[in-house]
Each structure stands twice: as C-alpha cells, then as structure tokens.
Amino acid sequence: MIRSDANPAPVKLDMTLISKLPLPISRVLVLEDNFLIALDAEDMLKKLGVPHVEIAVNLAQASALMSENAFDFALLDVDLG
C-alpha cells in the first residue's frame, strides 16, 4: 500500500502486472531520493524475480549507472528533489 499527498487513502498496487511483461527483466534502475522508498521498491522487484536492481538517489548517480550498465527499464521518482 502507498499513500499519495493528492489522495490520502491507501492505494493497493497490483504487482502482478510486471510479471506479465513479455520480455525477461534482468536489470532495473530505481531513481529515488527517499532511501526507504528505494529499498521498498528494490524488495518488491526482487520478489518479482528481478536479479539486478541498482538504486540511484540523484540524476548524476543515475547517469553514471546508465553509462556503465544496460537496464531493461527504470523506475523514476516523479518528485525528485
């Protein structure tokens, strides 16, 4: 469950959607400046079977990681700051 400032009621996420993607996902970049949220996202992704999850807390770290690795997708903080 997550909470949003715009909607204070809990929102239940359907994490089975990721497992239905057609391609195998082996490497994910998480760009999130809140450490607890980043760890929670990493934990959820690992439970879904993603073997490699990299966390960046700012754009400079994300850029450095992207220059060194090929990611299948990235999970981005929409309010990075």
PDB file of N, CA and C in Angstrom:
ATOM      1  N   MET A   1       0.840  -1.175   0.000  1.00  0.00           N
ATOM      2  CA  MET A   1       0.000   0.000   0.000  1.00  0.00           C
ATOM      3  C   MET A   1       0.886   1.239   0.000  1.00  0.00           C
ATOM      4  N   ILE A   2       0.453   2.240  -0.730  1.00  0.00           N
ATOM      5  CA  ILE A   2       1.148   3.518  -0.739  1.00  0.00           C
ATOM      6  C   ILE A   2       0.151   4.622  -0.462  1.00  0.00           C
ATOM      7  N   ARG A   3       0.682   5.742  -0.044  1.00  0.00           N
ATOM      8  CA  ARG A   3      -0.161   6.912   0.164  1.00  0.00           C
ATOM      9  C   ARG A   3       0.355   8.036  -0.718  1.00  0.00           C
ATOM     10  N   SER A   4      -0.551   8.817  -1.214  1.00  0.00           N
ATOM     11  CA  SER A   4      -0.212   9.955  -2.047  1.00  0.00           C
ATOM     12  C   SER A   4      -0.740  11.212  -1.376  1.00  0.00           C
ATOM     13  N   ASP A   5       0.003  12.315  -1.527  1.00  0.00           N
ATOM     14  CA  ASP A   5      -0.470  13.573  -0.939  1.00  0.00           C
ATOM     15  C   ASP A   5      -1.796  13.997  -1.553  1.00  0.00           C
ATOM     16  N   ALA A   6      -1.961  13.731  -2.849  1.00  0.00           N
ATOM     17  CA  ALA A   6      -3.195  14.116  -3.520  1.00  0.00           C
ATOM     18  C   ALA A   6      -4.367  13.241  -3.094  1.00  0.00           C
ATOM     19  N   ASN A   7      -4.091  12.002  -2.717  1.00  0.00           N
ATOM     20  CA  ASN A   7      -5.129  11.065  -2.322  1.00  0.00           C
ATOM     21  C   ASN A   7      -4.676  10.385  -1.029  1.00  0.00           C
ATOM     22  N   PRO A   8      -5.107  10.861   0.134  1.00  0.00           N
ATOM     23  CA  PRO A   8      -4.622  10.317   1.398  1.00  0.00           C
ATOM     24  C   PRO A   8      -5.054   8.877   1.677  1.00  0.00           C
ATOM     25  N   ALA A   9      -6.005   8.353   0.926  1.00  0.00           N
ATOM     26  CA  ALA A   9      -6.448   6.979   1.149  1.00  0.00           C
ATOM     27  C   ALA A   9      -5.408   6.009   0.592  1.00  0.00           C
ATOM     28  N   PRO A  10      -5.194   4.850   1.239  1.00  0.00           N
ATOM     29  CA  PRO A  10      -4.238   3.870   0.725  1.00  0.00           C
ATOM     30  C   PRO A  10      -4.617   3.397  -0.675  1.00  0.00           C
ATOM     31  N   VAL A  11      -3.610   3.165  -1.486  1.00  0.00           N
ATOM     32  CA  VAL A  11      -3.804   2.668  -2.843  1.00  0.00           C
ATOM     33  C   VAL A  11      -3.127   1.312  -2.925  1.00  0.00           C
ATOM     34  N   LYS A  12      -3.861   0.288  -3.330  1.00  0.00           N
ATOM     35  CA  LYS A  12      -3.293  -1.051  -3.434  1.00  0.00           C
ATOM     36  C   LYS A  12      -2.740  -1.246  -4.845  1.00  0.00           C
ATOM     37  N   LEU A  13      -1.458  -1.616  -4.926  1.00  0.00           N
ATOM     38  CA  LEU A  13      -0.808  -1.815  -6.214  1.00  0.00           C
ATOM     39  C   LEU A  13      -0.939  -3.264  -6.648  1.00  0.00           C
ATOM     40  N   ASP A  14      -1.205  -3.483  -7.920  1.00  0.00           N
ATOM     41  CA  ASP A  14      -1.260  -4.830  -8.481  1.00  0.00           C
ATOM     42  C   ASP A  14       0.103  -5.143  -9.088  1.00  0.00           C
ATOM     43  N   MET A  15       0.987  -5.763  -8.321  1.00  0.00           N
ATOM     44  CA  MET A  15       2.349  -6.037  -8.761  1.00  0.00           C
ATOM     45  C   MET A  15       2.415  -7.183  -9.768  1.00  0.00           C
ATOM     46  N   THR A  16       1.306  -7.860 -10.013  1.00  0.00           N
ATOM     47  CA  THR A  16       1.326  -8.948 -10.996  1.00  0.00           C
ATOM     48  C   THR A  16       1.469  -8.420 -12.418  1.00  0.00           C
ATOM     49  N   LEU A  17       1.210  -7.130 -12.621  1.00  0.00           N
ATOM     50  CA  LEU A  17       1.335  -6.559 -13.964  1.00  0.00           C
ATOM     51  C   LEU A  17       2.767  -6.656 -14.474  1.00  0.00           C
ATOM     52  N   ILE A  18       3.738  -6.417 -13.609  1.00  0.00           N
ATOM     53  CA  ILE A  18       5.138  -6.500 -14.025  1.00  0.00           C
ATOM     54  C   ILE A  18       5.490  -7.910 -14.441  1.00  0.00           C
ATOM     55  N   SER A  19       4.990  -8.897 -13.731  1.00  0.00           N
ATOM     56  CA  SER A  19       5.325 -10.283 -14.058  1.00  0.00           C
ATOM     57  C   SER A  19       4.711 -10.728 -15.382  1.00  0.00           C
ATOM     58  N   LYS A  20       3.763  -9.957 -15.917  1.00  0.00           N
ATOM     59  CA  LYS A  20       3.127 -10.310 -17.188  1.00  0.00           C
ATOM     60  C   LYS A  20       3.821  -9.675 -18.390  1.00  0.00           C
ATOM     61  N   LEU A  21       4.882  -8.898 -18.172  1.00  0.00           N
ATOM     62  CA  LEU A  21       5.600  -8.296 -19.291  1.00  0.00           C
ATOM     63  C   LEU A  21       6.209  -9.392 -20.154  1.00  0.00           C
ATOM     64  N   PRO A  22       6.211  -9.218 -21.486  1.00  0.00           N
ATOM     65  CA  PRO A  22       6.635 -10.287 -22.385  1.00  0.00           C
ATOM     66  C   PRO A  22       8.127 -10.597 -22.360  1.00  0.00           C
ATOM     67  N   LEU A  23       8.971  -9.630 -22.029  1.00  0.00           N
ATOM     68  CA  LEU A  23      10.407  -9.861 -22.052  1.00  0.00           C
ATOM     69  C   LEU A  23      10.929 -10.148 -20.653  1.00  0.00           C
ATOM     70  N   PRO A  24      11.953 -10.985 -20.559  1.00  0.00           N
ATOM     71  CA  PRO A  24      12.535 -11.192 -19.231  1.00  0.00           C
ATOM     72  C   PRO A  24      13.232  -9.906 -18.767  1.00  0.00           C
ATOM     73  N   ILE A  25      13.021  -9.557 -17.534  1.00  0.00           N
ATOM     74  CA  ILE A  25      13.614  -8.344 -16.967  1.00  0.00           C
ATOM     75  C   ILE A  25      14.728  -8.775 -16.027  1.00  0.00           C
ATOM     76  N   SER A  26      15.957  -8.379 -16.349  1.00  0.00           N
ATOM     77  CA  SER A  26      17.070  -8.810 -15.514  1.00  0.00           C
ATOM     78  C   SER A  26      17.777  -7.659 -14.814  1.00  0.00           C
ATOM     79  N   ARG A  27      17.599  -6.426 -15.285  1.00  0.00           N
ATOM     80  CA  ARG A  27      18.291  -5.301 -14.657  1.00  0.00           C
ATOM     81  C   ARG A  27      17.376  -4.073 -14.660  1.00  0.00           C
ATOM     82  N   VAL A  28      17.177  -3.511 -13.456  1.00  0.00           N
ATOM     83  CA  VAL A  28      16.284  -2.358 -13.292  1.00  0.00           C
ATOM     84  C   VAL A  28      17.030  -1.255 -12.540  1.00  0.00           C
ATOM     85  N   LEU A  29      16.838  -0.034 -12.999  1.00  0.00           N
ATOM     86  CA  LEU A  29      17.369   1.135 -12.308  1.00  0.00           C
ATOM     87  C   LEU A  29      16.231   1.793 -11.540  1.00  0.00           C
ATOM     88  N   VAL A  30      16.445   2.043 -10.252  1.00  0.00           N
ATOM     89  CA  VAL A  30      15.481   2.761  -9.419  1.00  0.00           C
ATOM     90  C   VAL A  30      16.094   4.114  -9.091  1.00  0.00           C
ATOM     91  N   LEU A  31      15.466   5.190  -9.561  1.00  0.00           N
ATOM     92  CA  LEU A  31      15.908   6.552  -9.257  1.00  0.00           C
ATOM     93  C   LEU A  31      14.943   7.130  -8.238  1.00  0.00           C
ATOM     94  N   GLU A  32      15.388   7.179  -7.000  1.00  0.00           N
ATOM     95  CA  GLU A  32      14.521   7.577  -5.888  1.00  0.00           C
ATOM     96  C   GLU A  32      15.390   8.210  -4.803  1.00  0.00           C
ATOM     97  N   ASP A  33      15.057   9.429  -4.373  1.00  0.00           N
ATOM     98  CA  ASP A  33      15.859  10.107  -3.356  1.00  0.00           C
ATOM     99  C   ASP A  33      15.449   9.775  -1.922  1.00  0.00           C
ATOM    100  N   ASN A  34      14.343   9.108  -1.747  1.00  0.00           N
ATOM    101  CA  ASN A  34      13.937   8.662  -0.410  1.00  0.00           C
ATOM    102  C   ASN A  34      14.417   7.228  -0.223  1.00  0.00           C
ATOM    103  N   PHE A  35      15.361   7.052   0.699  1.00  0.00           N
ATOM    104  CA  PHE A  35      16.025   5.760   0.866  1.00  0.00           C
ATOM    105  C   PHE A  35      15.056   4.627   1.194  1.00  0.00           C
ATOM    106  N   LEU A  36      14.092   4.879   2.064  1.00  0.00           N
ATOM    107  CA  LEU A  36      13.152   3.821   2.447  1.00  0.00           C
ATOM    108  C   LEU A  36      12.271   3.390   1.275  1.00  0.00           C
ATOM    109  N   ILE A  37      11.842   4.355   0.474  1.00  0.00           N
ATOM    110  CA  ILE A  37      11.037   4.022  -0.703  1.00  0.00           C
ATOM    111  C   ILE A  37      11.881   3.235  -1.709  1.00  0.00           C
ATOM    112  N   ALA A  38      13.144   3.649  -1.873  1.00  0.00           N
ATOM    113  CA  ALA A  38      14.043   2.939  -2.795  1.00  0.00           C
ATOM    114  C   ALA A  38      14.249   1.495  -2.356  1.00  0.00           C
ATOM    115  N   LEU A  39      14.458   1.278  -1.061  1.00  0.00           N
ATOM    116  CA  LEU A  39      14.633  -0.091  -0.549  1.00  0.00           C
ATOM    117  C   LEU A  39      13.363  -0.913  -0.711  1.00  0.00           C
ATOM    118  N   ASP A  40      12.209  -0.277  -0.510  1.00  0.00           N
ATOM    119  CA  ASP A  40      10.929  -0.970  -0.681  1.00  0.00           C
ATOM    120  C   ASP A  40      10.739  -1.374  -2.145  1.00  0.00           C
ATOM    121  N   ALA A  41      11.066  -0.470  -3.059  1.00  0.00           N
ATOM    122  CA  ALA A  41      10.957  -0.779  -4.491  1.00  0.00           C
ATOM    123  C   ALA A  41      11.908  -1.913  -4.861  1.00  0.00           C
ATOM    124  N   GLU A  42      13.129  -1.856  -4.336  1.00  0.00           N
ATOM    125  CA  GLU A  42      14.101  -2.921  -4.609  1.00  0.00           C
ATOM    126  C   GLU A  42      13.586  -4.270  -4.102  1.00  0.00           C
ATOM    127  N   ASP A  43      13.029  -4.267  -2.904  1.00  0.00           N
ATOM    128  CA  ASP A  43      12.498  -5.504  -2.327  1.00  0.00           C
ATOM    129  C   ASP A  43      11.362  -6.067  -3.180  1.00  0.00           C
ATOM    130  N   MET A  44      10.444  -5.200  -3.622  1.00  0.00           N
ATOM    131  CA  MET A  44       9.329  -5.662  -4.463  1.00  0.00           C
ATOM    132  C   MET A  44       9.838  -6.232  -5.782  1.00  0.00           C
ATOM    133  N   LEU A  45      10.797  -5.553  -6.397  1.00  0.00           N
ATOM    134  CA  LEU A  45      11.339  -6.029  -7.670  1.00  0.00           C
ATOM    135  C   LEU A  45      12.050  -7.366  -7.514  1.00  0.00           C
ATOM    136  N   LYS A  46      12.802  -7.516  -6.432  1.00  0.00           N
ATOM    137  CA  LYS A  46      13.500  -8.788  -6.197  1.00  0.00           C
ATOM    138  C   LYS A  46      12.498  -9.916  -5.946  1.00  0.00           C
ATOM    139  N   LYS A  47      11.412  -9.621  -5.241  1.00  0.00           N
ATOM    140  CA  LYS A  47      10.375 -10.634  -5.018  1.00  0.00           C
ATOM    141  C   LYS A  47       9.708 -11.051  -6.322  1.00  0.00           C
ATOM    142  N   LEU A  48       9.699 -10.131  -7.291  1.00  0.00           N
ATOM    143  CA  LEU A  48       9.136 -10.441  -8.601  1.00  0.00           C
ATOM    144  C   LEU A  48      10.121 -11.174  -9.497  1.00  0.00           C
ATOM    145  N   GLY A  49      11.345 -11.364  -9.004  1.00  0.00           N
ATOM    146  CA  GLY A  49      12.320 -12.140  -9.757  1.00  0.00           C
ATOM    147  C   GLY A  49      13.356 -11.349 -10.525  1.00  0.00           C
ATOM    148  N   VAL A  50      13.434 -10.044 -10.298  1.00  0.00           N
ATOM    149  CA  VAL A  50      14.457  -9.234 -10.965  1.00  0.00           C
ATOM    150  C   VAL A  50      15.780  -9.436 -10.221  1.00  0.00           C
ATOM    151  N   PRO A  51      16.791 -10.020 -10.873  1.00  0.00           N
ATOM    152  CA  PRO A  51      18.032 -10.340 -10.162  1.00  0.00           C
ATOM    153  C   PRO A  51      18.938  -9.139  -9.869  1.00  0.00           C
ATOM    154  N   HIS A  52      18.899  -8.098 -10.710  1.00  0.00           N
ATOM    155  CA  HIS A  52      19.807  -6.962 -10.535  1.00  0.00           C
ATOM    156  C   HIS A  52      19.012  -5.668 -10.453  1.00  0.00           C
ATOM    157  N   VAL A  53      19.034  -5.049  -9.273  1.00  0.00           N
ATOM    158  CA  VAL A  53      18.358  -3.771  -9.067  1.00  0.00           C
ATOM    159  C   VAL A  53      19.413  -2.783  -8.576  1.00  0.00           C
ATOM    160  N   GLU A  54      19.570  -1.674  -9.308  1.00  0.00           N
ATOM    161  CA  GLU A  54      20.508  -0.619  -8.929  1.00  0.00           C
ATOM    162  C   GLU A  54      19.713   0.579  -8.454  1.00  0.00           C
ATOM    163  N   ILE A  55      20.171   1.222  -7.374  1.00  0.00           N
ATOM    164  CA  ILE A  55      19.492   2.390  -6.825  1.00  0.00           C
ATOM    165  C   ILE A  55      20.369   3.622  -7.016  1.00  0.00           C
ATOM    166  N   ALA A  56      19.778   4.690  -7.547  1.00  0.00           N
ATOM    167  CA  ALA A  56      20.432   5.990  -7.654  1.00  0.00           C
ATOM    168  C   ALA A  56      19.579   6.995  -6.894  1.00  0.00           C
ATOM    169  N   VAL A  57      20.240   7.907  -6.165  1.00  0.00           N
ATOM    170  CA  VAL A  57      19.486   8.887  -5.376  1.00  0.00           C
ATOM    171  C   VAL A  57      19.423  10.248  -6.052  1.00  0.00           C
ATOM    172  N   ASN A  58      20.148  10.409  -7.171  1.00  0.00           N
ATOM    173  CA  ASN A  58      20.093  11.672  -7.909  1.00  0.00           C
ATOM    174  C   ASN A  58      20.413  11.407  -9.384  1.00  0.00           C
ATOM    175  N   LEU A  59      20.245  12.446 -10.202  1.00  0.00           N
ATOM    176  CA  LEU A  59      20.450  12.289 -11.640  1.00  0.00           C
ATOM    177  C   LEU A  59      21.901  11.957 -11.989  1.00  0.00           C
ATOM    178  N   ALA A  60      22.857  12.502 -11.244  1.00  0.00           N
ATOM    179  CA  ALA A  60      24.265  12.221 -11.522  1.00  0.00           C
ATOM    180  C   ALA A  60      24.569  10.735 -11.317  1.00  0.00           C
ATOM    181  N   GLN A  61      24.076  10.160 -10.230  1.00  0.00           N
ATOM    182  CA  GLN A  61      24.276   8.730  -9.986  1.00  0.00           C
ATOM    183  C   GLN A  61      23.576   7.891 -11.049  1.00  0.00           C
ATOM    184  N   ALA A  62      22.375   8.265 -11.407  1.00  0.00           N
ATOM    185  CA  ALA A  62      21.622   7.521 -12.424  1.00  0.00           C
ATOM    186  C   ALA A  62      22.350   7.565 -13.756  1.00  0.00           C
ATOM    187  N   SER A  63      22.868   8.732 -14.111  1.00  0.00           N
ATOM    188  CA  SER A  63      23.589   8.882 -15.362  1.00  0.00           C
ATOM    189  C   SER A  63      24.853   8.025 -15.375  1.00  0.00           C
ATOM    190  N   ALA A  64      25.569   8.006 -14.266  1.00  0.00           N
ATOM    191  CA  ALA A  64      26.785   7.188 -14.164  1.00  0.00           C
ATOM    192  C   ALA A  64      26.449   5.705 -14.288  1.00  0.00           C
ATOM    193  N   LEU A  65      25.382   5.272 -13.623  1.00  0.00           N
ATOM    194  CA  LEU A  65      24.978   3.867 -13.706  1.00  0.00           C
ATOM    195  C   LEU A  65      24.544   3.494 -15.119  1.00  0.00           C
ATOM    196  N   MET A  66      23.845   4.416 -15.788  1.00  0.00           N
ATOM    197  CA  MET A  66      23.390   4.128 -17.148  1.00  0.00           C
ATOM    198  C   MET A  66      24.553   4.074 -18.135  1.00  0.00           C
ATOM    199  N   SER A  67      25.631   4.786 -17.854  1.00  0.00           N
ATOM    200  CA  SER A  67      26.791   4.730 -18.750  1.00  0.00           C
ATOM    201  C   SER A  67      27.570   3.429 -18.569  1.00  0.00           C
ATOM    202  N   GLU A  68      27.386   2.768 -17.420  1.00  0.00           N
ATOM    203  CA  GLU A  68      28.108   1.525 -17.125  1.00  0.00           C
ATOM    204  C   GLU A  68      27.272   0.276 -17.374  1.00  0.00           C
ATOM    205  N   ASN A  69      25.957   0.398 -17.391  1.00  0.00           N
ATOM    206  CA  ASN A  69      25.060  -0.755 -17.460  1.00  0.00           C
ATOM    207  C   ASN A  69      23.939  -0.529 -18.464  1.00  0.00           C
ATOM    208  N   ALA A  70      23.428  -1.624 -18.981  1.00  0.00           N
ATOM    209  CA  ALA A  70      22.222  -1.580 -19.811  1.00  0.00           C
ATOM    210  C   ALA A  70      21.053  -2.035 -18.944  1.00  0.00           C
ATOM    211  N   PHE A  71      20.033  -1.199 -18.817  1.00  0.00           N
ATOM    212  CA  PHE A  71      18.876  -1.517 -17.990  1.00  0.00           C
ATOM    213  C   PHE A  71      17.689  -1.885 -18.869  1.00  0.00           C
ATOM    214  N   ASP A  72      16.885  -2.828 -18.385  1.00  0.00           N
ATOM    215  CA  ASP A  72      15.664  -3.207 -19.089  1.00  0.00           C
ATOM    216  C   ASP A  72      14.583  -2.147 -18.916  1.00  0.00           C
ATOM    217  N   PHE A  73      14.531  -1.533 -17.750  1.00  0.00           N
ATOM    218  CA  PHE A  73      13.658  -0.392 -17.522  1.00  0.00           C
ATOM    219  C   PHE A  73      14.094   0.346 -16.264  1.00  0.00           C
ATOM    220  N   ALA A  74      13.547   1.540 -16.079  1.00  0.00           N
ATOM    221  CA  ALA A  74      13.871   2.346 -14.905  1.00  0.00           C
ATOM    222  C   ALA A  74      12.575   2.746 -14.208  1.00  0.00           C
ATOM    223  N   LEU A  75      12.634   2.755 -12.907  1.00  0.00           N
ATOM    224  CA  LEU A  75      11.526   3.213 -12.068  1.00  0.00           C
ATOM    225  C   LEU A  75      11.950   4.576 -11.540  1.00  0.00           C
ATOM    226  N   LEU A  76      11.235   5.646 -11.928  1.00  0.00           N
ATOM    227  CA  LEU A  76      11.667   7.007 -11.646  1.00  0.00           C
ATOM    228  C   LEU A  76      10.763   7.707 -10.636  1.00  0.00           C
ATOM    229  N   ASP A  77      11.393   8.449  -9.747  1.00  0.00           N
ATOM    230  CA  ASP A  77      10.682   9.300  -8.797  1.00  0.00           C
ATOM    231  C   ASP A  77      10.151  10.504  -9.575  1.00  0.00           C
ATOM    232  N   VAL A  78       8.861  10.766  -9.517  1.00  0.00           N
ATOM    233  CA  VAL A  78       8.288  11.895 -10.263  1.00  0.00           C
ATOM    234  C   VAL A  78       8.477  13.216  -9.528  1.00  0.00           C
ATOM    235  N   ASP A  79       8.915  13.173  -8.261  1.00  0.00           N
ATOM    236  CA  ASP A  79       9.129  14.383  -7.475  1.00  0.00           C
ATOM    237  C   ASP A  79      10.544  14.367  -6.911  1.00  0.00           C
ATOM    238  N   LEU A  80      11.521  14.141  -7.770  1.00  0.00           N
ATOM    239  CA  LEU A  80      12.916  14.074  -7.342  1.00  0.00           C
ATOM    240  C   LEU A  80      13.372  15.447  -6.912  1.00  0.00           C
ATOM    241  N   GLY A  81      13.911  15.534  -5.709  1.00  0.00           N
ATOM    242  CA  GLY A  81      14.329  16.860  -5.271  1.00  0.00           C
ATOM    243  C   GLY A  81      14.929  16.797  -3.982  1.00  0.00           C
TER     244      GLY A  81
END
